[in-house]
Amino acid sequence: MKKISLIIFFCIALAAIVKAQYIYPINEYNAQLKGYELSNFDIQDTILYLPLGESGLHVLNIKDLKNIHELSVYIEYEKRSREKIYGVAHCVKVIDNKAYLSYGPLGLKILNITDPTMPYVVGTYYRYQDVYCSEIYENYAMLGYMVMGLEIVDFSNLEDIKMVSRNNVRDFSVKNIQVIPPYVIISGGNRGLRIFKFGEPFTTFKQVEFTKEHLMDNEAHKLLVRGSTGYLANDFRGLSVLNMGLPLYPLEVNSIKTQGKATELVIEGNYLYVASGKYIEVFDLREPEKPEKIYEYSDKNKEFRSLKIHENKLYALYSNGSKEYGISIFEVE
């Protein structure tokens, strides 16, 4: 009887270990800067690209995690009506040797980053609207505007970037864009989700359905779709789980309260990492519509803003008051 009890105990313990996913801090980078803004960041190899608002795009060398240091800063202004208008670095997307920088009042800037110590502009698109974020699909950029929804441009000719589809939604502040051909989904602020369906071929970007609205009264931050399931960082409502079998008609099938306001998430393997204020919460996704929380990390001095998995490490961008920001680096096990 004792042997049977021991076997059962070890089986339960083994199951818990197999399912467990832990993160623990191994290093940290922090800096002080007055008036910084945090949105997202991106990593390529040993280089981290960090937009900091009016302070520009900061490029960091993370090869040695004990000696993270700045390589360069990209900052630019234009003269308009005899005034200097500075760009505001919001979000960045890095692909191959280019960084796609959503540069606020100066539009979309495409930077050559072959030499990260000296990024330079190779393409610009601007249409009197502040760009907050972008998503890249082939040679097209989906632009999320601060107050005007979605616009799509073709950058195959960097010297003549052209608008190919305008899908403006007045007063819709886009925070995130998901491309799931033939659908494009934007989430933003307190306006929930907007879902666009385009015809064939997808890259003509001609709408074939009226724009659908969903969760209109929700402070929707970031949506990630995996298979037929969507995971939405839904502010004070926590983590919302959506059945996306019919993408035009998402069905909320689960809602999980998080420790703080859920504002950011990232998926790696069968695990979902959610930033919720002073917490990073880890969920097991083996049952896609029933995420199971298996771990949480907290730091009372930090507000976690953006997450990225790179080479089996979790990078977490945080703010600490109005003058200090940093990146916590976690080992993932």
Foldseek 3Di string as FASTA:
>chain_A
DVVVVVVVVVVVVVVLVVQFKDKDFDAKDKDWDFPWDAAEWDDDDQWIWGFTFLQAIWIWGCPPVHDIDTQAGDWDWDQDPNDTHTWTFADWDDDDQWIWTQTFQQGTFIWGCPPVSDIDTQAGDHDRFRFHDWDDDDQKIWTFTQFWGTWIWGCPPRVDIGTQDGDTDGGFGFQEWDDDPLKIWTQGAQQGIKIFGADPPSVSVHGPDPIAGDNGRWRWAYWDDDDQWIWTQTFQQGIWIWGCPPVSDTDTDDTDGDPARWHEWDDDDQWIWTFHFQKIWIWGCPPVNDTHTNDMDGDPQWGWHYWDADPQKIWTWTAGPNTMIMITIIHMD
